[in-house]
Amino acid sequence: MSLHEFTLVLTSEPGEADADRLYESFDDGTISTIAGVSQIDFHREAESLEEAIRSAISEIEAAGLDVARLEMLPDALPT
C-alpha cells in the first residue's frame, strides 16, 4: 500500500453535524474552509491513487455532501 495525498473541494461548507458524520467515516482527512472554499485534505493509504480518491469521494457522498473537484500537487502524482 502507498500513501496518497490529495484534496477534495466540496460544493458547500459542512455544518457541525456534517463534520461529525465525516470524521466518523475517516481518520485520514482534515476538513478546512479557506476563503469560503471548503475542502478535505487526505493522506490516504491505498493500493492505487484511483482507489484512494474513489473511496474518499464515496465516504463524503455517504455523509450527504458533494465533491466539486480534486486538487493535487504535481509531486503527489505517482511516477
Protein backbone atom coordinates (compact mmCIF):
# COMPACT_ATOMS: atom_id res chain seq x y z
CA MET A 1 0.00 0.00 0.00
CA SER A 2 1.12 3.52 -0.75
CA LEU A 3 0.31 6.84 0.87
CA HIS A 4 -1.59 9.22 -1.43
CA GLU A 5 -2.02 12.93 -0.76
CA PHE A 6 -4.84 14.89 -2.37
CA THR A 7 -7.53 17.48 -1.63
CA LEU A 8 -11.22 17.20 -2.39
CA VAL A 9 -13.03 20.53 -2.66
CA LEU A 10 -16.65 20.44 -1.50
CA THR A 11 -19.63 22.16 -3.13
CA SER A 12 -20.79 23.57 0.21
CA GLU A 13 -19.49 24.23 3.68
CA PRO A 14 -20.17 21.34 6.05
CA GLY A 15 -22.07 22.14 9.22
CA GLU A 16 -21.18 20.69 12.60
CA ALA A 17 -23.37 17.59 12.08
CA ASP A 18 -21.83 17.08 8.61
CA ALA A 19 -18.32 17.30 10.05
CA ASP A 20 -19.24 14.78 12.75
CA ARG A 21 -20.50 12.32 10.09
CA LEU A 22 -17.35 12.82 8.03
CA TYR A 23 -14.98 12.29 10.94
CA GLU A 24 -16.92 9.13 11.88
CA SER A 25 -16.18 7.69 8.42
CA PHE A 26 -12.47 8.58 8.11
CA ASP A 27 -9.46 9.48 10.20
CA ASP A 28 -7.05 10.37 7.39
CA GLY A 29 -8.55 13.68 6.28
CA THR A 30 -8.72 17.21 7.66
CA ILE A 31 -11.67 19.49 6.92
CA SER A 32 -10.98 23.19 6.43
CA THR A 33 -12.58 26.26 4.89
CA ILE A 34 -10.25 28.80 3.33
CA ALA A 35 -11.60 31.99 1.74
CA GLY A 36 -15.08 30.45 1.69
CA VAL A 37 -13.95 27.24 -0.02
CA SER A 38 -14.45 24.05 1.99
CA GLN A 39 -12.05 21.21 1.39
CA ILE A 40 -10.73 18.00 2.87
CA ASP A 41 -7.02 17.25 2.72
CA PHE A 42 -6.40 13.50 2.63
CA HIS A 43 -3.33 11.38 3.38
CA ARG A 44 -4.79 8.00 2.46
CA GLU A 45 -3.17 4.59 2.22
CA ALA A 46 -4.43 2.52 -0.70
CA GLU A 47 -3.22 0.20 -3.43
CA SER A 48 -3.62 2.95 -6.05
CA LEU A 49 -4.28 6.67 -6.28
CA GLU A 50 -7.58 5.95 -8.01
CA GLU A 51 -8.70 3.65 -5.18
CA ALA A 52 -7.78 6.30 -2.60
CA ILE A 53 -9.71 9.04 -4.39
CA ARG A 54 -12.76 6.89 -5.12
CA SER A 55 -13.04 5.71 -1.51
CA ALA A 56 -12.72 9.26 -0.17
CA ILE A 57 -15.41 10.56 -2.55
CA SER A 58 -17.68 7.67 -1.58
CA GLU A 59 -17.32 8.48 2.12
CA ILE A 60 -18.05 12.17 1.52
CA GLU A 61 -21.14 11.38 -0.54
CA ALA A 62 -22.34 8.87 2.07
CA ALA A 63 -22.17 11.71 4.60
CA GLY A 64 -24.55 13.73 2.39
CA LEU A 65 -22.04 16.15 0.83
CA ASP A 66 -20.84 16.60 -2.74
CA VAL A 67 -17.37 16.97 -4.20
CA ALA A 68 -16.75 19.82 -6.65
CA ARG A 69 -13.23 18.88 -7.71
CA LEU A 70 -9.96 17.17 -6.92
CA GLU A 71 -6.73 19.08 -6.35
CA MET A 72 -3.22 17.65 -6.16
CA LEU A 73 0.29 18.98 -6.18
CA PRO A 74 2.28 17.76 -9.20
CA ASP A 75 4.80 15.98 -7.00
CA ALA A 76 1.97 13.95 -5.41
CA LEU A 77 1.28 12.18 -8.71
CA PRO A 78 2.62 8.63 -8.94
CA THR A 79 5.54 8.17 -11.28
